[in-house]
N, C-alpha and C. Protein backbone atom coordinates (compact mmCIF):
# COMPACT_ATOMS: atom_id res chain seq x y z
N UNK A 1 121.71 115.24 174.47
CA UNK A 1 120.79 114.14 174.80
C UNK A 1 119.50 114.29 175.52
N UNK A 2 118.41 113.59 175.39
CA UNK A 2 117.20 113.76 175.93
C UNK A 2 117.27 113.09 177.30
N UNK A 3 116.22 113.61 178.06
CA UNK A 3 116.14 113.22 179.70
C UNK A 3 114.71 112.72 179.73
N UNK A 4 114.74 111.31 179.96
CA UNK A 4 113.32 111.17 180.36
C UNK A 4 113.26 110.57 181.85
N UNK A 5 112.18 110.75 182.47
CA UNK A 5 111.99 110.41 184.03
C UNK A 5 111.21 108.75 183.88
N UNK A 6 111.72 107.91 184.60
CA UNK A 6 111.09 106.53 184.56
C UNK A 6 110.40 106.54 185.86
N UNK A 7 109.15 106.56 185.81
CA UNK A 7 108.33 106.42 186.85
C UNK A 7 106.71 106.56 186.35
N UNK A 8 105.80 106.03 187.24
CA UNK A 8 104.33 106.46 186.67
C UNK A 8 103.94 107.17 188.06
N UNK A 9 104.76 107.51 188.97
CA UNK A 9 104.20 108.74 190.07
C UNK A 9 103.94 109.92 189.62
N UNK A 10 102.58 110.55 189.37
CA UNK A 10 102.05 111.58 188.67
C UNK A 10 102.76 113.03 189.58
N UNK A 11 102.88 112.87 190.76
CA UNK A 11 103.25 114.03 191.51
C UNK A 11 104.91 114.25 191.35
N UNK A 12 105.73 113.10 191.14
CA UNK A 12 107.16 113.20 190.61
C UNK A 12 107.07 113.56 189.16
N UNK A 13 106.31 113.29 187.95
CA UNK A 13 106.26 114.03 186.78
C UNK A 13 105.95 115.23 186.78
N UNK A 14 104.96 115.46 187.33
CA UNK A 14 104.50 116.96 187.49
C UNK A 14 105.90 117.95 188.05
N UNK A 15 106.47 117.81 189.00
CA UNK A 15 107.46 118.24 189.77
C UNK A 15 108.54 118.38 188.56
N UNK A 16 109.30 117.05 187.87
CA UNK A 16 109.79 116.94 186.92
C UNK A 16 109.70 117.92 185.75
N UNK A 17 108.52 117.74 185.45
CA UNK A 17 108.36 118.56 184.31
C UNK A 17 108.21 120.34 184.65
N UNK A 18 107.89 120.58 185.59
CA UNK A 18 108.10 122.08 186.15
C UNK A 18 109.44 122.48 185.94
N UNK A 19 110.38 121.75 185.90
CA UNK A 19 111.87 122.28 185.61
C UNK A 19 112.01 122.42 184.28
N UNK A 20 111.20 121.98 183.18
CA UNK A 20 111.49 122.35 181.96
C UNK A 20 112.57 121.61 181.21
N UNK A 21 112.97 120.54 181.94
CA UNK A 21 114.22 119.90 181.11
C UNK A 21 113.74 118.43 180.88
N UNK A 22 112.49 118.11 180.78
CA UNK A 22 112.11 116.59 180.97
C UNK A 22 111.36 116.30 179.16
N UNK A 23 111.98 115.35 178.72
CA UNK A 23 111.55 115.11 177.10
C UNK A 23 110.62 114.22 176.78
N UNK A 24 110.46 113.21 177.78
CA UNK A 24 109.54 112.26 178.00
C UNK A 24 109.58 111.43 179.13
N UNK A 25 108.78 110.28 179.15
CA UNK A 25 108.73 109.42 180.14
C UNK A 25 108.71 107.74 180.18
N UNK A 26 109.36 107.26 180.78
CA UNK A 26 108.99 105.53 180.53
C UNK A 26 108.67 104.90 181.59
N UNK A 27 107.60 104.00 181.12
CA UNK A 27 106.95 103.36 182.62
C UNK A 27 106.88 101.91 182.28
N UNK A 28 106.54 101.06 182.95
CA UNK A 28 106.44 99.62 183.00
C UNK A 28 105.13 99.02 183.92
N UNK A 29 104.86 97.82 183.88
CA UNK A 29 103.65 97.24 184.59
C UNK A 29 103.91 97.35 186.05
N UNK A 30 105.20 96.97 186.53
CA UNK A 30 105.71 97.32 187.78
C UNK A 30 105.52 98.50 188.26
N UNK A 31 106.01 99.48 187.50
CA UNK A 31 105.87 100.89 188.10
C UNK A 31 104.45 101.45 188.36
N UNK A 32 103.48 100.93 187.47
CA UNK A 32 102.03 101.50 187.19
C UNK A 32 101.55 100.93 188.27
N UNK A 33 101.78 99.34 188.56
CA UNK A 33 101.12 98.59 189.95
C UNK A 33 101.48 99.11 191.10
N UNK A 34 102.68 99.77 191.27
CA UNK A 34 103.17 100.33 192.74
C UNK A 34 102.19 101.73 193.02
N UNK A 35 101.90 102.29 192.19
CA UNK A 35 100.92 103.52 191.98
C UNK A 35 99.49 103.38 192.51
N UNK A 36 99.12 102.08 192.19
CA UNK A 36 97.58 101.49 192.57
C UNK A 36 96.48 102.51 192.09
N UNK A 37 96.83 102.98 190.57
CA UNK A 37 95.95 103.64 189.91
C UNK A 37 95.36 102.88 188.65
N UNK A 38 94.35 103.32 188.17
CA UNK A 38 93.90 103.12 186.82
C UNK A 38 94.92 103.00 185.46
N UNK A 39 95.27 102.08 184.97
CA UNK A 39 96.11 101.98 184.08
C UNK A 39 96.19 102.85 183.06
N UNK A 40 95.52 103.04 182.25
CA UNK A 40 94.77 104.10 180.98
C UNK A 40 95.08 105.19 181.29
N UNK A 41 94.06 105.38 182.43
CA UNK A 41 94.12 106.86 182.96
C UNK A 41 95.33 107.37 183.34
N UNK A 42 96.43 106.47 183.95
CA UNK A 42 97.63 106.89 184.29
C UNK A 42 98.45 107.28 183.17
N UNK A 43 98.56 106.44 182.23
CA UNK A 43 99.14 106.76 181.05
C UNK A 43 99.01 107.80 180.23
N UNK A 44 97.30 108.13 180.19
CA UNK A 44 96.81 109.42 179.70
C UNK A 44 97.35 110.60 180.10
N UNK A 45 97.31 110.67 181.92
CA UNK A 45 97.73 111.71 182.54
C UNK A 45 99.26 112.16 182.27
N UNK A 46 100.11 111.06 182.26
CA UNK A 46 101.66 111.36 182.00
C UNK A 46 101.61 111.84 180.55
N UNK A 47 100.95 111.35 179.77
CA UNK A 47 101.30 112.03 178.27
C UNK A 47 100.90 113.61 178.37
N UNK A 48 99.96 113.91 179.04
CA UNK A 48 99.31 115.32 178.99
C UNK A 48 100.41 116.20 179.82
N UNK A 49 100.91 115.61 180.70
CA UNK A 49 102.05 116.38 181.59
C UNK A 49 103.42 116.29 180.67
N UNK A 50 104.02 115.34 180.33
CA UNK A 50 105.20 115.63 179.64
C UNK A 50 105.22 116.18 178.24
N UNK A 51 103.91 115.84 177.71
CA UNK A 51 104.03 116.27 176.13
C UNK A 51 104.89 115.65 175.34
N UNK A 52 105.57 114.63 175.43
CA UNK A 52 106.84 113.93 174.88
C UNK A 52 106.48 112.42 174.77
N UNK A 53 107.22 111.59 174.32
CA UNK A 53 107.19 110.33 174.16
C UNK A 53 107.09 109.46 175.69
N UNK A 54 105.92 108.49 175.68
CA UNK A 54 105.65 107.97 176.74
C UNK A 54 105.86 106.36 176.51
N UNK A 55 106.51 105.76 177.25
CA UNK A 55 106.60 104.21 176.77
C UNK A 55 105.61 103.61 177.73
N UNK A 56 104.57 103.11 177.14
CA UNK A 56 103.78 102.05 177.78
C UNK A 56 103.85 100.58 177.46
N UNK A 57 104.01 99.66 178.27
CA UNK A 57 104.38 98.45 177.91
C UNK A 57 103.14 97.25 177.86
N UNK A 58 103.59 96.51 176.69
CA UNK A 58 102.47 95.32 176.63
C UNK A 58 102.97 94.39 177.49
N UNK A 59 101.87 93.54 177.78
CA UNK A 59 102.34 92.59 179.10
C UNK A 59 102.24 90.97 178.12
N UNK A 60 101.56 90.90 177.01
CA UNK A 60 101.46 89.72 176.30
C UNK A 60 102.73 88.98 175.74
N UNK A 61 103.03 87.92 175.73
CA UNK A 61 104.17 87.55 175.37
C UNK A 61 104.47 86.75 174.03
N UNK A 62 103.22 86.75 173.39
CA UNK A 62 103.29 86.25 171.92
C UNK A 62 103.14 87.48 170.91
N UNK A 63 103.42 87.58 169.73
CA UNK A 63 103.37 88.98 168.93
C UNK A 63 101.87 89.12 168.71
N UNK A 64 101.25 88.35 168.42
CA UNK A 64 99.63 88.66 168.32
C UNK A 64 98.98 89.16 169.33
N UNK A 65 99.12 88.79 170.64
CA UNK A 65 98.91 89.53 171.74
C UNK A 65 99.60 90.91 171.80
N UNK A 66 100.63 90.88 171.56
CA UNK A 66 101.17 92.18 171.90
C UNK A 66 100.54 93.32 170.75
N UNK A 67 100.41 92.68 169.36
CA UNK A 67 99.89 93.95 168.64
C UNK A 67 98.26 94.18 168.83
N UNK A 68 97.66 93.23 169.72
CA UNK A 68 96.33 93.25 170.15
C UNK A 68 96.59 94.58 171.12
N UNK A 69 97.30 94.41 172.20
CA UNK A 69 97.67 95.17 173.10
C UNK A 69 97.88 96.58 172.61
N UNK A 70 99.01 96.60 171.81
CA UNK A 70 99.47 97.81 171.34
C UNK A 70 98.27 98.82 170.55
N UNK A 71 97.28 97.99 170.02
CA UNK A 71 96.48 98.62 169.41
C UNK A 71 95.44 99.43 170.48
N UNK A 72 95.28 98.80 171.38
CA UNK A 72 94.72 99.56 172.63
C UNK A 72 95.54 100.73 173.01
N UNK A 73 96.77 100.50 173.41
CA UNK A 73 97.52 101.59 173.95
C UNK A 73 97.78 102.79 173.13
N UNK A 74 97.55 102.54 171.69
CA UNK A 74 97.86 103.64 170.93
C UNK A 74 96.67 104.47 170.90
N UNK A 75 95.63 103.99 171.36
CA UNK A 75 94.23 104.82 171.24
C UNK A 75 94.23 105.66 172.67
N UNK A 76 95.16 105.40 173.45
CA UNK A 76 95.07 106.28 174.76
C UNK A 76 95.24 107.63 174.51
N UNK A 77 96.92 107.69 173.70
CA UNK A 77 96.96 109.20 173.40
C UNK A 77 98.27 109.01 172.24
N UNK A 78 98.27 110.18 171.45
CA UNK A 78 99.22 109.91 170.54
C UNK A 78 100.69 109.87 170.63
N UNK A 79 100.96 110.36 172.06
CA UNK A 79 102.40 110.45 172.68
C UNK A 79 102.89 109.14 172.94
N UNK A 80 101.93 108.06 173.13
CA UNK A 80 102.16 106.43 173.34
C UNK A 80 103.37 106.13 172.77
N UNK A 81 104.44 105.49 173.38
CA UNK A 81 105.34 104.63 172.57
C UNK A 81 105.17 103.24 173.15
N UNK A 82 105.22 102.43 172.09
CA UNK A 82 104.92 101.07 172.55
C UNK A 82 106.10 100.20 172.90
N UNK A 83 106.18 99.80 174.08
CA UNK A 83 107.20 98.95 174.87
C UNK A 83 107.11 97.42 174.63
N UNK A 84 107.74 97.19 174.04
CA UNK A 84 107.85 95.48 173.87
C UNK A 84 109.29 94.68 174.12
N UNK A 85 109.15 93.72 174.82
CA UNK A 85 110.31 92.88 175.25
C UNK A 85 111.22 92.47 174.24
N UNK A 86 112.58 92.51 174.53
CA UNK A 86 113.43 91.85 173.85
C UNK A 86 113.45 90.20 173.55
N UNK A 87 112.52 89.84 172.72
CA UNK A 87 112.21 88.53 172.14
C UNK A 87 112.11 88.18 171.11
N UNK A 88 112.07 87.05 170.35
CA UNK A 88 111.69 86.84 169.00
C UNK A 88 110.38 87.33 169.07
N UNK A 89 109.53 87.02 169.64
CA UNK A 89 108.20 87.60 169.37
C UNK A 89 107.85 89.11 169.56
N UNK A 90 108.90 89.56 170.48
CA UNK A 90 108.92 91.03 170.52
C UNK A 90 109.26 91.89 169.29
N UNK A 91 110.56 91.05 168.77
CA UNK A 91 110.80 91.63 167.42
C UNK A 91 109.79 91.50 166.32
N UNK A 92 109.18 90.54 166.41
CA UNK A 92 108.41 90.39 165.20
C UNK A 92 107.07 91.55 165.18
N UNK A 93 106.65 91.80 166.81
CA UNK A 93 105.69 92.76 166.85
C UNK A 93 106.33 94.13 166.36
N UNK A 94 107.65 94.24 167.04
CA UNK A 94 108.11 95.54 166.34
C UNK A 94 108.22 95.78 165.19
N UNK A 95 108.60 95.03 164.13
CA UNK A 95 108.76 94.96 162.89
C UNK A 95 107.23 95.55 162.55
N UNK A 96 106.19 94.70 162.80
CA UNK A 96 104.73 95.03 162.44
C UNK A 96 104.36 96.43 162.78
N UNK A 97 104.52 96.79 163.93
CA UNK A 97 104.22 97.98 164.61
C UNK A 97 105.06 99.19 163.62
N UNK A 98 106.13 99.11 163.72
CA UNK A 98 107.06 100.27 163.26
C UNK A 98 106.58 100.36 161.60
N UNK A 99 106.32 99.06 160.99
CA UNK A 99 105.81 99.23 159.54
C UNK A 99 104.46 100.13 159.63
N UNK A 100 103.55 99.87 160.82
CA UNK A 100 102.28 100.47 160.69
C UNK A 100 102.53 101.91 161.08
N UNK A 101 103.74 102.36 161.56
CA UNK A 101 103.75 103.90 161.88
C UNK A 101 104.20 103.93 163.46
N UNK A 102 103.98 103.11 163.97
CA UNK A 102 104.08 103.11 165.37
C UNK A 102 105.39 103.34 165.86
N UNK A 103 105.57 104.07 166.93
CA UNK A 103 106.78 104.26 167.72
C UNK A 103 107.19 103.14 168.62
N UNK A 104 108.22 102.35 168.81
CA UNK A 104 108.19 101.30 169.58
C UNK A 104 109.71 101.47 170.19
N UNK A 105 109.46 100.97 171.57
CA UNK A 105 110.90 101.02 172.53
C UNK A 105 110.99 99.26 172.86
N UNK A 106 111.89 98.87 172.30
CA UNK A 106 112.17 97.54 172.87
C UNK A 106 113.20 97.45 174.16
N UNK A 107 112.57 96.97 175.17
CA UNK A 107 113.13 97.15 176.25
C UNK A 107 113.75 95.66 176.96
N UNK A 108 114.55 95.49 177.70
CA UNK A 108 115.24 94.53 178.59
C UNK A 108 116.56 94.15 177.76
N UNK A 109 117.11 95.18 177.20
CA UNK A 109 118.27 94.99 176.04
C UNK A 109 119.61 94.74 177.09
N UNK A 110 120.36 93.68 176.74
CA UNK A 110 121.47 93.55 177.68
C UNK A 110 122.98 93.24 176.78
N UNK A 111 122.61 93.44 175.49
CA UNK A 111 124.02 93.03 174.42
C UNK A 111 124.00 94.09 173.27
N UNK A 112 124.98 94.17 172.86
CA UNK A 112 125.07 94.80 171.36
C UNK A 112 124.14 94.08 170.13
N UNK A 113 124.48 92.88 170.50
CA UNK A 113 123.79 91.75 169.52
C UNK A 113 122.16 92.12 169.66
N UNK A 114 121.54 92.06 170.67
CA UNK A 114 120.15 92.29 170.94
C UNK A 114 119.90 93.47 170.46
N UNK A 115 120.75 94.84 170.78
CA UNK A 115 120.23 96.01 170.26
C UNK A 115 120.29 96.23 168.59
N UNK A 116 121.15 95.50 168.12
CA UNK A 116 120.94 95.26 166.40
C UNK A 116 119.77 94.65 166.00
N UNK A 117 119.32 93.59 166.59
CA UNK A 117 117.90 92.85 166.33
C UNK A 117 116.66 94.20 166.46
N UNK A 118 116.85 94.86 167.28
CA UNK A 118 115.95 95.64 167.46
C UNK A 118 115.90 97.04 166.52
N UNK A 119 117.12 97.54 166.26
CA UNK A 119 117.21 98.43 165.34
C UNK A 119 116.79 97.66 163.74
N UNK A 120 117.40 96.60 163.53
CA UNK A 120 116.79 95.99 162.25
C UNK A 120 115.51 95.92 162.04
N UNK A 121 114.60 95.72 163.44
CA UNK A 121 113.05 95.31 163.36
C UNK A 121 112.36 96.83 163.28
N UNK A 122 113.41 98.03 163.24
CA UNK A 122 112.69 99.33 162.98
C UNK A 122 112.23 100.02 164.46
N UNK A 123 112.92 99.45 165.42
CA UNK A 123 112.69 100.32 166.86
C UNK A 123 112.90 101.79 166.58
N UNK A 124 112.24 102.72 167.37
CA UNK A 124 112.19 104.01 167.62
C UNK A 124 113.60 103.99 168.80
N UNK A 125 113.29 103.25 169.81
CA UNK A 125 114.27 103.29 170.80
C UNK A 125 114.50 101.94 171.22
N UNK A 126 115.89 101.57 171.63
CA UNK A 126 116.44 100.54 172.44
C UNK A 126 116.71 100.68 173.46
N UNK A 127 116.41 99.82 174.47
CA UNK A 127 116.84 100.19 176.17
C UNK A 127 117.81 99.32 176.79
N UNK A 128 119.03 99.77 176.77
CA UNK A 128 120.28 98.76 177.31
C UNK A 128 119.89 99.23 178.84
N UNK A 129 119.67 98.17 179.86
CA UNK A 129 119.59 98.06 181.28
C UNK A 129 121.05 98.29 181.84
N UNK A 130 121.80 99.30 181.99
CA UNK A 130 123.00 99.28 182.12
C UNK A 130 123.36 99.10 183.87
N UNK A 131 122.41 99.64 184.77
CA UNK A 131 122.27 99.24 186.17
C UNK A 131 122.21 97.55 186.35
N UNK A 132 121.36 96.82 185.59
CA UNK A 132 121.13 95.48 185.88
C UNK A 132 122.04 94.64 185.22
N UNK A 133 122.89 95.29 184.19
CA UNK A 133 124.05 94.64 183.70
C UNK A 133 124.99 94.63 184.97
N UNK A 134 125.49 95.78 185.59
CA UNK A 134 126.35 96.02 186.60
C UNK A 134 126.08 95.10 187.75
N UNK A 135 124.68 94.74 187.72
CA UNK A 135 124.53 93.86 189.07
C UNK A 135 125.11 92.63 188.81
N UNK A 136 125.07 92.15 187.72
CA UNK A 136 125.73 90.67 187.41
C UNK A 136 127.29 90.86 187.54
N UNK A 137 127.84 91.73 187.82
CA UNK A 137 129.18 91.74 187.70
C UNK A 137 129.99 92.25 186.21
N UNK A 138 129.25 92.41 185.22
CA UNK A 138 129.51 92.86 184.08
C UNK A 138 129.48 94.32 184.04
N UNK A 139 130.16 95.13 182.97
CA UNK A 139 130.09 96.47 182.76
C UNK A 139 129.15 96.89 181.76
N UNK A 140 127.99 97.79 182.75
CA UNK A 140 126.79 98.15 181.82
C UNK A 140 127.24 99.38 180.89
N UNK A 141 128.16 100.21 181.27
CA UNK A 141 128.47 101.08 180.56
C UNK A 141 129.19 100.58 178.95
N UNK A 142 129.96 99.67 179.45
CA UNK A 142 130.94 99.02 178.25
C UNK A 142 130.04 98.48 177.46
N UNK A 143 128.90 97.88 177.95
CA UNK A 143 127.52 97.49 176.65
C UNK A 143 127.02 98.36 175.97
N UNK A 144 126.94 99.60 176.84
CA UNK A 144 126.13 100.60 176.10
C UNK A 144 127.20 101.25 175.26
N UNK A 145 128.29 101.34 175.43
CA UNK A 145 129.27 102.06 174.42
C UNK A 145 129.54 101.30 173.35
N UNK A 146 129.02 99.64 173.46
CA UNK A 146 129.25 99.07 172.28
C UNK A 146 128.25 99.18 171.38
N UNK A 147 127.01 99.37 171.92
CA UNK A 147 125.86 99.43 171.25
C UNK A 147 126.01 100.83 170.45
N UNK A 148 126.33 101.86 170.96
CA UNK A 148 126.12 103.12 170.32
C UNK A 148 127.55 103.04 169.14
N UNK A 149 128.76 102.24 169.24
CA UNK A 149 129.68 102.41 168.22
C UNK A 149 128.92 101.49 167.15
N UNK A 150 128.33 100.43 167.50
CA UNK A 150 127.58 99.65 166.56
C UNK A 150 126.64 100.26 165.38
N UNK A 151 125.83 101.16 166.38
CA UNK A 151 124.70 102.03 165.56
C UNK A 151 125.46 103.18 164.78
N UNK A 152 126.75 103.84 165.43
CA UNK A 152 127.29 104.83 164.52
C UNK A 152 128.03 104.04 163.37
N UNK A 153 128.36 102.60 163.64
CA UNK A 153 128.86 102.09 162.38
C UNK A 153 127.75 102.12 161.15
N UNK A 154 126.84 101.86 161.28
CA UNK A 154 125.82 101.31 160.35
C UNK A 154 124.82 102.18 160.11
N UNK A 155 124.80 103.59 161.18
CA UNK A 155 124.03 104.59 160.95
C UNK A 155 122.56 104.37 161.02
N UNK A 156 122.28 103.46 162.31
CA UNK A 156 120.74 103.22 162.51
C UNK A 156 120.27 104.40 163.10
N UNK A 157 118.75 104.46 162.64
CA UNK A 157 117.89 105.60 163.15
C UNK A 157 117.61 105.39 164.60
N UNK A 158 117.74 104.03 165.03
CA UNK A 158 117.06 103.94 166.45
C UNK A 158 118.11 104.52 167.31
N UNK A 159 117.19 105.20 168.32
CA UNK A 159 118.08 105.95 169.54
C UNK A 159 118.30 104.87 170.38
N UNK A 160 119.49 105.00 170.96
CA UNK A 160 119.83 104.28 172.32
C UNK A 160 119.42 104.99 173.39
N UNK A 161 118.65 104.28 174.25
CA UNK A 161 118.02 104.74 175.23
C UNK A 161 118.68 104.11 176.70
N UNK A 162 119.50 104.81 177.20
CA UNK A 162 120.24 104.27 178.44
C UNK A 162 119.12 104.15 179.68
N UNK A 163 118.97 102.96 180.04
CA UNK A 163 117.78 102.60 181.36
C UNK A 163 118.60 101.71 182.28
N UNK A 164 117.78 101.96 183.21
CA UNK A 164 118.39 101.15 184.69
C UNK A 164 119.50 102.16 185.11
N UNK A 165 119.35 103.40 185.02
CA UNK A 165 120.56 104.31 185.75
C UNK A 165 120.19 104.42 187.19
N UNK A 166 121.34 104.14 187.73
CA UNK A 166 121.14 104.07 189.19
C UNK A 166 121.60 105.42 189.94
N UNK A 167 122.57 106.41 189.39
CA UNK A 167 123.26 107.51 190.02
C UNK A 167 123.46 108.30 189.23
N UNK A 168 123.96 109.73 189.58
CA UNK A 168 124.34 110.67 188.50
C UNK A 168 125.45 110.41 187.76
N UNK A 169 126.27 109.51 188.11
CA UNK A 169 127.54 109.36 187.24
C UNK A 169 127.00 108.67 186.21
N UNK A 170 126.30 107.35 186.33
CA UNK A 170 125.68 106.76 185.14
C UNK A 170 125.05 107.96 184.03
N UNK A 171 124.27 108.91 184.58
CA UNK A 171 123.73 109.99 183.63
C UNK A 171 124.80 110.46 182.75
N UNK A 172 125.84 111.03 183.63
CA UNK A 172 127.17 111.63 182.90
C UNK A 172 127.96 110.83 182.04
N UNK A 173 128.13 109.55 182.32
CA UNK A 173 128.81 108.55 181.26
C UNK A 173 128.03 108.18 180.49
N UNK A 174 126.66 108.03 180.58
CA UNK A 174 125.79 107.88 179.48
C UNK A 174 125.82 109.24 178.25
N UNK A 175 126.09 110.44 178.91
CA UNK A 175 126.08 111.22 177.93
C UNK A 175 127.34 111.59 177.18
N UNK A 176 128.50 111.23 178.09
CA UNK A 176 129.73 111.21 177.42
C UNK A 176 129.93 110.20 176.23
N UNK A 177 129.22 108.97 176.28
CA UNK A 177 129.59 108.26 175.38
C UNK A 177 128.69 108.18 174.21
N UNK A 178 127.76 109.05 174.50
CA UNK A 178 126.73 109.43 173.26
C UNK A 178 125.23 108.81 173.06
N UNK A 179 124.80 108.24 174.27
CA UNK A 179 123.35 107.99 174.40
C UNK A 179 122.69 108.96 173.88
N UNK A 180 121.48 108.42 172.96
CA UNK A 180 120.59 109.75 172.60
C UNK A 180 119.71 109.99 173.66
N UNK A 181 119.47 109.07 174.45
CA UNK A 181 118.26 109.20 175.85
C UNK A 181 118.89 108.60 176.98
N UNK A 182 118.62 109.10 178.13
CA UNK A 182 118.84 108.64 179.38
C UNK A 182 117.57 108.90 180.25
N UNK A 183 117.06 107.83 180.56
CA UNK A 183 115.76 107.77 181.45
C UNK A 183 116.34 107.18 183.30
N UNK A 184 115.60 107.97 184.05
CA UNK A 184 116.00 107.74 185.41
C UNK A 184 115.00 107.84 186.20
N UNK A 185 115.09 107.20 187.52
CA UNK A 185 114.16 107.67 188.47
C UNK A 185 113.96 108.96 189.19
N UNK A 186 113.07 109.37 189.71
CA UNK A 186 112.89 110.91 190.01
C UNK A 186 114.16 111.16 190.74
N UNK A 187 114.43 110.38 191.97
CA UNK A 187 115.62 110.63 192.83
C UNK A 187 117.00 111.06 192.41
N UNK A 188 117.00 110.19 191.11
CA UNK A 188 118.43 110.29 190.28
C UNK A 188 118.50 111.63 189.57
N UNK A 189 117.26 111.80 188.89
CA UNK A 189 117.23 113.12 188.40
C UNK A 189 117.44 114.22 189.24
N UNK A 190 116.76 114.54 190.29
CA UNK A 190 116.82 115.11 191.30
C UNK A 190 118.25 115.61 191.88
N UNK A 191 119.11 114.25 191.83
CA UNK A 191 120.46 114.40 192.32
C UNK A 191 121.24 115.14 191.50
N UNK A 192 121.18 115.02 190.26
CA UNK A 192 122.03 115.39 189.03
C UNK A 192 122.38 117.13 189.46
N UNK A 193 121.76 117.84 190.16
CA UNK A 193 121.81 119.05 190.03
C UNK A 193 122.86 119.39 191.08
N UNK A 194 122.69 118.45 192.17
CA UNK A 194 123.70 118.99 193.24
C UNK A 194 125.33 118.59 192.98
N UNK A 195 126.10 119.40 193.96
CA UNK A 195 127.29 119.40 193.88
C UNK A 195 127.94 119.88 195.23
N UNK A 196 128.91 119.68 195.81
CA UNK A 196 129.11 120.23 197.12
C UNK A 196 129.63 121.63 196.96
N UNK A 197 130.43 121.75 195.89
CA UNK A 197 130.77 123.14 195.37
C UNK A 197 129.64 124.21 195.10
N UNK A 198 128.68 123.67 194.51
CA UNK A 198 127.63 124.44 194.43
C UNK A 198 126.91 124.86 195.46
N UNK A 199 126.67 123.68 196.27
CA UNK A 199 125.89 124.04 197.36
C UNK A 199 126.68 125.11 198.58
N UNK A 200 128.06 124.68 198.71
CA UNK A 200 128.75 125.69 199.44
C UNK A 200 128.80 126.89 199.06
N UNK A 201 129.02 127.01 197.61
CA UNK A 201 129.03 128.48 196.97
C UNK A 201 127.69 129.46 197.10
N UNK A 202 126.70 128.63 197.04
CA UNK A 202 125.56 129.54 197.07
C UNK A 202 125.36 129.79 198.64
N UNK A 203 125.58 128.95 199.54
CA UNK A 203 125.64 129.03 201.14
C UNK A 203 126.53 130.46 201.23
N UNK A 204 127.64 130.64 200.68
CA UNK A 204 128.46 131.56 201.05
C UNK A 204 128.03 133.03 200.26
N UNK A 205 127.34 132.91 199.03
CA UNK A 205 126.78 133.94 198.31
C UNK A 205 125.64 134.50 199.42
N UNK A 206 124.81 133.71 199.77
CA UNK A 206 123.91 134.07 200.87
C UNK A 206 124.52 134.74 201.94
N UNK A 207 125.51 134.11 202.70
CA UNK A 207 125.90 134.94 203.77
C UNK A 207 126.69 136.22 203.44
N UNK A 208 127.36 136.46 202.46
CA UNK A 208 127.83 137.71 202.16
C UNK A 208 126.60 138.66 201.74
N UNK A 209 125.67 138.26 201.22
CA UNK A 209 124.42 139.16 200.81
C UNK A 209 123.70 139.39 202.09
N UNK A 210 123.82 138.76 203.09
CA UNK A 210 123.06 139.24 204.32
C UNK A 210 123.86 140.39 204.89
N UNK A 211 124.90 140.47 204.74
CA UNK A 211 125.87 141.97 205.17
C UNK A 211 125.96 142.97 204.50
N UNK A 212 125.06 142.83 203.02
CA UNK A 212 124.94 144.01 202.41
C UNK A 212 123.96 144.97 203.10
N UNK A 213 124.03 146.29 203.14
CA UNK A 213 123.02 147.23 203.74
C UNK A 213 122.02 147.43 202.56
N UNK A 214 120.79 147.88 203.08
CA UNK A 214 119.61 148.13 202.22
C UNK A 214 118.55 147.63 202.63
N UNK A 215 118.53 146.65 203.37
CA UNK A 215 116.94 145.72 203.70
C UNK A 215 116.71 144.75 202.78
N UNK A 216 117.66 144.58 201.48
CA UNK A 216 117.15 143.23 200.70
C UNK A 216 117.13 143.97 199.23
N UNK A 217 117.02 142.99 198.42
CA UNK A 217 116.92 143.44 196.96
C UNK A 217 115.72 144.18 196.51
N UNK A 218 114.51 143.91 196.85
CA UNK A 218 113.26 144.69 196.77
C UNK A 218 113.53 146.22 197.05
N UNK A 219 113.99 146.11 198.30
CA UNK A 219 114.12 147.54 199.06
C UNK A 219 115.26 148.30 198.25
N UNK A 220 116.10 147.69 198.04
CA UNK A 220 117.63 148.48 197.69
C UNK A 220 117.05 148.88 195.89
N UNK A 221 116.39 147.96 195.26
CA UNK A 221 116.28 148.33 193.83
C UNK A 221 115.03 149.33 193.87
N UNK A 222 114.07 149.14 194.63
CA UNK A 222 113.08 149.98 194.77
C UNK A 222 113.57 151.51 195.12
N UNK A 223 114.02 151.78 196.09
CA UNK A 223 114.84 152.80 196.66
C UNK A 223 115.63 153.61 195.46
N UNK A 224 116.64 152.57 194.78
CA UNK A 224 117.52 153.26 193.50
C UNK A 224 116.35 153.94 192.45
N UNK A 225 115.42 152.96 192.25
CA UNK A 225 114.56 153.38 190.75
C UNK A 225 113.78 154.72 191.32
N UNK A 226 113.40 154.92 192.83
CA UNK A 226 112.78 156.01 193.16
C UNK A 226 113.59 157.18 192.94
N UNK A 227 114.99 157.04 193.48
CA UNK A 227 115.88 158.04 193.40
C UNK A 227 116.12 158.56 191.88
N UNK A 228 116.40 157.75 190.84
CA UNK A 228 116.45 157.81 189.45
C UNK A 228 115.39 158.53 188.84
N UNK A 229 114.09 158.23 189.12
CA UNK A 229 112.96 158.55 188.62
C UNK A 229 112.84 160.45 189.12
N UNK A 230 113.18 160.73 190.08
CA UNK A 230 113.34 162.21 190.41
C UNK A 230 114.45 162.85 190.01
N UNK A 231 115.15 162.26 188.99
CA UNK A 231 116.11 162.92 188.58
C UNK A 231 117.34 163.25 189.13
């Protein structure tokens, strides 16, 4: 599974990239507006940090406008993936963009039928919003499973990008179901490494180490190497 970070906050992206496990980034107009920075410059800097696919979203609602905006976005950086909405105009734009060699992420997907349309239109990614589906009282993970099953049945090349991930359990379940990508906010990504037994175990190791004589690892190993070098 590929792990993307879902933010436009450069500090968070740099920190996540420093861990060496980030494959890409997803953004949207809301995330970029929240940062209060220049749109194009922000997209460029994100691309330079993650060195992987970065979804940048069009705001036009008609296919002609989407294609015009996509042409501008594609000039920012070669890593840009054009993000279009799940609508008939978005599907038309997706088909035209994919035929022109652009990578496309069809966003705001809430059903397997919608995902099928994106795949037929040549989307690189389709983004089911599992958290938002949960908010309606439906099962977002069940929808994700349906999409994955349909894609496996018909061998679409479109990758299923689990989005609107709210907590580490969503990450685990998306992985278990076979999603190709999971994109998540920094706080969720950061939380995935924590487990009470891991934290407790590390505390115990440190407490035990404090009782080992020798003055610390550097002193102990240094003294050992010095003795060995003297024969």
